[in-house]
Amino acid sequence: MKPYQAILAFISYFLVQFVVYTYISVPYYMTITGGILLMVYAFLLHRKQMLHMSSRDLKGSQLLFCLGIGLGLALISKTGILFGFLSGKITSEQTLPDPFFLTVSIVTTVVLIPVLEELLVRGILFGSFSRSFSYKTAVVCSSVFFLLGHRMLSWPSVFVVGILLAWIYWRTDNLAVTMVIHGTINLGSFLSMPLYALLTTNRTLGLMAGLLMVLLGIGITCLSTKMFLRKHDALPA
């Protein structure tokens, strides 16, 4: 797949979102969009022989280290909340009273979207860029596209997450690894709830707690990544 084809696939992600949101369903637009594009992207990657997934790295301690990387990156991503609070643009979390909608939202956020975005960003974009450019260029370019799908306030942390996920995918050649990490990051978004509450009740304590979470996340991410890659490299192919 050529880079321009990968970019067209990326654009389709937003076009389908717009169509579904405008003409089909507002509350479930991401779920419907994800279901449609998941099949399309998986088919494209399979047909182009670019779909690299294996469970050999996701057993026992390897899986635990993947979850550790995801947890660490989830903590690092709290910088977006801190930036939002300092800029005065922070808003409180909205409750979801409908249990069915809450369940669908969690499944969409933790499972569907991570799988879809890994197929698109790491599978299609990074895979296409790496075939035409150096892997370093592919890592940076795919990470830039990755942050375009997120809120501007979270761009610094999203870019870091994108860089690390692309690098891990390059090291392992396994989308299943980055899918698990990405899903854990999204699950960690629930860590935002107490931080939001703390920031609105005690500014100083909230900022200190947020900074501590980010520093802790850096440590957990570095340690878990190092241990995971050590285990991965020791496994037979």
Protein backbone atom coordinates (compact mmCIF):
# COMPACT_ATOMS: atom_id res chain seq x y z
CA MET A 1 0.00 0.00 0.00
CA LYS A 2 1.34 3.43 -0.99
CA PRO A 3 1.55 6.32 1.51
CA TYR A 4 -1.10 8.32 -0.35
CA GLN A 5 -3.46 5.34 -0.12
CA ALA A 6 -2.83 5.12 3.61
CA ILE A 7 -3.59 8.84 3.98
CA LEU A 8 -6.85 8.34 2.05
CA ALA A 9 -7.75 5.54 4.47
CA PHE A 10 -7.05 7.94 7.34
CA ILE A 11 -9.31 10.58 5.80
CA SER A 12 -12.05 7.97 5.41
CA TYR A 13 -12.00 7.55 9.20
CA PHE A 14 -13.31 11.09 9.64
CA LEU A 15 -15.61 11.05 6.62
CA VAL A 16 -17.44 7.96 7.84
CA GLN A 17 -17.69 9.50 11.32
CA PHE A 18 -19.28 12.61 9.81
CA VAL A 19 -21.78 10.65 7.72
CA VAL A 20 -22.82 8.39 10.60
CA TYR A 21 -23.05 11.32 13.04
CA THR A 22 -25.12 13.40 10.61
CA TYR A 23 -27.45 10.85 9.07
CA ILE A 24 -27.56 7.72 11.25
CA SER A 25 -26.94 8.14 14.99
CA VAL A 26 -25.43 10.77 17.25
CA PRO A 27 -25.07 8.81 20.53
CA TYR A 28 -23.63 5.69 18.88
CA TYR A 29 -21.77 7.22 15.98
CA MET A 30 -18.34 6.01 17.13
CA THR A 31 -19.61 2.47 17.71
CA ILE A 32 -21.21 2.28 14.25
CA THR A 33 -18.22 3.95 12.59
CA GLY A 34 -15.84 1.58 14.35
CA GLY A 35 -17.77 -1.50 13.30
CA ILE A 36 -17.85 -0.46 9.65
CA LEU A 37 -14.22 0.60 9.35
CA LEU A 38 -12.90 -2.30 11.42
CA MET A 39 -14.00 -4.72 8.72
CA VAL A 40 -12.73 -2.47 5.92
CA TYR A 41 -9.27 -1.87 7.39
CA ALA A 42 -8.80 -5.51 8.41
CA PHE A 43 -9.69 -6.58 4.87
CA LEU A 44 -7.26 -4.07 3.34
CA LEU A 45 -4.40 -5.15 5.61
CA HIS A 46 -5.10 -8.82 5.00
CA ARG A 47 -5.27 -8.36 1.24
CA LYS A 48 -2.03 -6.35 1.20
CA GLN A 49 -0.40 -8.93 3.51
CA MET A 50 0.30 -6.23 6.09
CA LEU A 51 -1.77 -7.68 8.96
CA HIS A 52 0.78 -8.93 11.51
CA MET A 53 -0.83 -10.32 14.66
CA SER A 54 0.38 -13.04 17.00
CA SER A 55 -0.42 -14.13 20.54
CA ARG A 56 3.04 -15.48 21.28
CA ASP A 57 4.05 -12.26 23.04
CA LEU A 58 0.84 -12.01 25.08
CA LYS A 59 1.09 -14.87 27.55
CA GLY A 60 1.94 -14.71 31.23
CA SER A 61 4.43 -12.00 32.11
CA GLN A 62 4.45 -10.64 28.55
CA LEU A 63 0.76 -9.76 28.88
CA LEU A 64 1.33 -8.24 32.32
CA PHE A 65 4.12 -6.04 30.98
CA CYS A 66 1.85 -4.90 28.10
CA LEU A 67 -0.77 -3.94 30.68
CA GLY A 68 1.96 -2.15 32.65
CA ILE A 69 2.98 -0.13 29.58
CA GLY A 70 -0.66 0.81 29.00
CA LEU A 71 -1.15 1.84 32.63
CA GLY A 72 2.02 3.94 32.57
CA LEU A 73 0.98 5.70 29.37
CA ALA A 74 -2.51 6.27 30.79
CA LEU A 75 -0.90 8.08 33.73
CA ILE A 76 1.32 10.11 31.40
CA SER A 77 -1.73 11.12 29.37
CA LYS A 78 -3.09 12.96 32.42
CA THR A 79 -0.89 15.87 31.32
CA GLY A 80 -3.78 16.77 29.01
CA ILE A 81 -6.00 17.35 32.05
CA LEU A 82 -3.33 19.47 33.71
CA PHE A 83 -2.88 21.59 30.59
CA GLY A 84 -6.63 21.99 30.33
CA PHE A 85 -6.92 23.08 33.96
CA LEU A 86 -4.08 25.57 33.71
CA SER A 87 -5.56 27.05 30.51
CA GLY A 88 -8.99 27.36 32.11
CA LYS A 89 -10.61 25.01 29.60
CA ILE A 90 -11.16 22.07 31.93
CA THR A 91 -14.71 20.73 32.19
CA SER A 92 -16.10 18.23 34.63
CA GLU A 93 -16.76 14.66 33.54
CA GLN A 94 -20.30 13.95 32.38
CA THR A 95 -22.17 11.08 34.01
CA LEU A 96 -23.84 8.45 31.85
CA PRO A 97 -27.15 7.50 33.52
CA ASP A 98 -28.21 4.97 30.88
CA PRO A 99 -26.58 1.59 31.78
CA PHE A 100 -26.83 0.30 28.19
CA PHE A 101 -25.22 3.43 26.76
CA LEU A 102 -22.53 3.26 29.45
CA THR A 103 -21.76 -0.38 28.60
CA VAL A 104 -21.61 0.34 24.86
CA SER A 105 -19.37 3.38 25.49
CA ILE A 106 -16.93 1.36 27.61
CA VAL A 107 -16.73 -1.48 25.07
CA THR A 108 -16.29 1.03 22.25
CA THR A 109 -13.59 2.99 24.11
CA VAL A 110 -11.63 0.07 25.55
CA VAL A 111 -11.97 -2.54 22.78
CA LEU A 112 -13.35 -1.29 19.47
CA ILE A 113 -11.52 2.02 19.10
CA PRO A 114 -8.07 0.69 20.14
CA VAL A 115 -8.35 -2.20 17.66
CA LEU A 116 -9.57 0.12 14.90
CA GLU A 117 -6.94 2.82 15.48
CA GLU A 118 -4.11 0.29 15.67
CA LEU A 119 -5.19 -1.22 12.36
CA LEU A 120 -5.32 2.26 10.83
CA VAL A 121 -2.40 4.12 12.43
CA ARG A 122 0.16 1.41 13.10
CA GLY A 123 -1.02 -1.15 10.55
CA ILE A 124 -1.88 0.99 7.52
CA LEU A 125 -0.13 4.34 8.07
CA PHE A 126 3.07 3.17 9.76
CA GLY A 127 3.23 0.06 7.56
CA SER A 128 2.93 2.12 4.39
CA PHE A 129 5.34 4.85 5.51
CA SER A 130 7.96 2.33 6.63
CA ARG A 131 7.97 0.76 3.17
CA SER A 132 8.71 4.10 1.51
CA PHE A 133 10.79 5.91 4.16
CA SER A 134 13.06 5.11 7.08
CA TYR A 135 11.44 3.59 10.15
CA LYS A 136 12.20 6.76 12.17
CA THR A 137 10.33 8.88 9.64
CA ALA A 138 7.47 6.38 9.66
CA VAL A 139 7.31 6.50 13.47
CA VAL A 140 7.11 10.31 13.55
CA CYS A 141 4.69 10.67 10.62
CA SER A 142 2.27 8.03 11.91
CA SER A 143 2.36 9.66 15.36
CA VAL A 144 1.47 13.03 13.84
CA PHE A 145 -1.58 11.50 12.15
CA PHE A 146 -2.44 9.73 15.40
CA LEU A 147 -2.67 12.98 17.37
CA LEU A 148 -4.94 14.56 14.73
CA GLY A 149 -7.72 12.30 15.94
CA HIS A 150 -7.55 13.63 19.50
CA ARG A 151 -8.26 16.85 21.36
CA MET A 152 -5.64 19.56 20.91
CA LEU A 153 -4.98 19.88 24.66
CA SER A 154 -3.92 16.24 24.78
CA TRP A 155 -1.64 16.44 21.73
CA PRO A 156 1.69 16.43 23.65
CA SER A 157 0.88 13.23 25.54
CA VAL A 158 -0.85 11.63 22.52
CA PHE A 159 2.23 12.27 20.39
CA VAL A 160 4.45 10.57 22.99
CA VAL A 161 2.04 7.63 23.13
CA GLY A 162 2.03 7.42 19.33
CA ILE A 163 5.83 7.42 19.17
CA LEU A 164 6.13 4.63 21.72
CA LEU A 165 3.38 2.48 20.17
CA ALA A 166 4.89 2.82 16.70
CA TRP A 167 8.34 1.94 18.04
CA ILE A 168 6.98 -1.10 19.91
CA TYR A 169 5.15 -2.23 16.78
CA TRP A 170 8.36 -1.85 14.79
CA ARG A 171 10.23 -3.95 17.39
CA THR A 172 7.60 -6.69 17.67
CA ASP A 173 5.85 -6.59 14.26
CA ASN A 174 2.70 -7.53 16.19
CA LEU A 175 -0.44 -5.39 16.20
CA ALA A 176 -1.93 -7.50 19.01
CA VAL A 177 0.69 -6.03 21.36
CA THR A 178 -0.16 -2.41 20.58
CA MET A 179 -3.89 -3.18 20.67
CA VAL A 180 -3.62 -4.46 24.25
CA ILE A 181 -1.52 -1.46 25.29
CA HIS A 182 -3.88 1.00 23.56
CA GLY A 183 -6.93 -0.60 25.17
CA THR A 184 -5.30 -0.37 28.59
CA ILE A 185 -4.54 3.31 28.01
CA ASN A 186 -8.19 3.98 27.18
CA LEU A 187 -9.33 1.98 30.19
CA GLY A 188 -7.01 4.14 32.27
CA SER A 189 -9.02 7.17 31.20
CA PHE A 190 -11.23 6.43 34.19
CA LEU A 191 -8.30 7.63 36.31
CA SER A 192 -9.37 11.08 35.15
CA MET A 193 -12.48 11.08 37.31
CA PRO A 194 -10.86 11.50 40.75
CA LEU A 195 -8.28 13.89 39.30
CA TYR A 196 -11.02 16.11 37.87
CA ALA A 197 -12.75 16.17 41.25
CA LEU A 198 -9.52 16.97 43.09
CA LEU A 199 -8.58 19.77 40.71
CA THR A 200 -11.93 21.45 41.15
CA THR A 201 -11.86 21.24 44.97
CA ASN A 202 -8.17 21.81 45.72
CA ARG A 203 -6.09 23.35 42.93
CA THR A 204 -2.66 22.91 44.54
CA LEU A 205 -3.23 19.36 45.73
CA GLY A 206 -4.77 18.43 42.39
CA LEU A 207 -1.81 19.75 40.41
CA MET A 208 0.62 17.94 42.71
CA ALA A 209 -1.34 14.70 42.37
CA GLY A 210 -1.48 15.09 38.59
CA LEU A 211 2.26 15.73 38.37
CA LEU A 212 2.93 12.72 40.59
CA MET A 213 0.76 10.55 38.33
CA VAL A 214 2.71 11.68 35.26
CA LEU A 215 6.08 10.99 36.90
CA LEU A 216 4.87 7.62 38.14
CA GLY A 217 3.60 6.87 34.64
CA ILE A 218 7.01 7.60 33.13
CA GLY A 219 8.65 5.19 35.54
CA ILE A 220 6.10 2.42 35.01
CA THR A 221 6.23 2.84 31.22
CA CYS A 222 10.04 2.71 31.04
CA LEU A 223 10.31 -0.32 33.34
CA SER A 224 7.45 -2.26 31.73
CA THR A 225 8.69 -1.54 28.19
CA LYS A 226 12.21 -2.67 29.07
CA MET A 227 10.99 -5.89 30.69
CA PHE A 228 8.51 -6.66 27.90
CA LEU A 229 11.08 -6.26 25.13
CA ARG A 230 13.58 -8.34 27.08
CA LYS A 231 11.00 -11.14 27.35
CA HIS A 232 9.97 -10.70 23.70
CA ASP A 233 13.53 -10.90 22.39
CA ALA A 234 14.14 -14.07 24.41
CA LEU A 235 11.16 -15.87 22.85
CA PRO A 236 11.62 -18.18 19.85
CA ALA A 237 10.19 -16.82 16.60
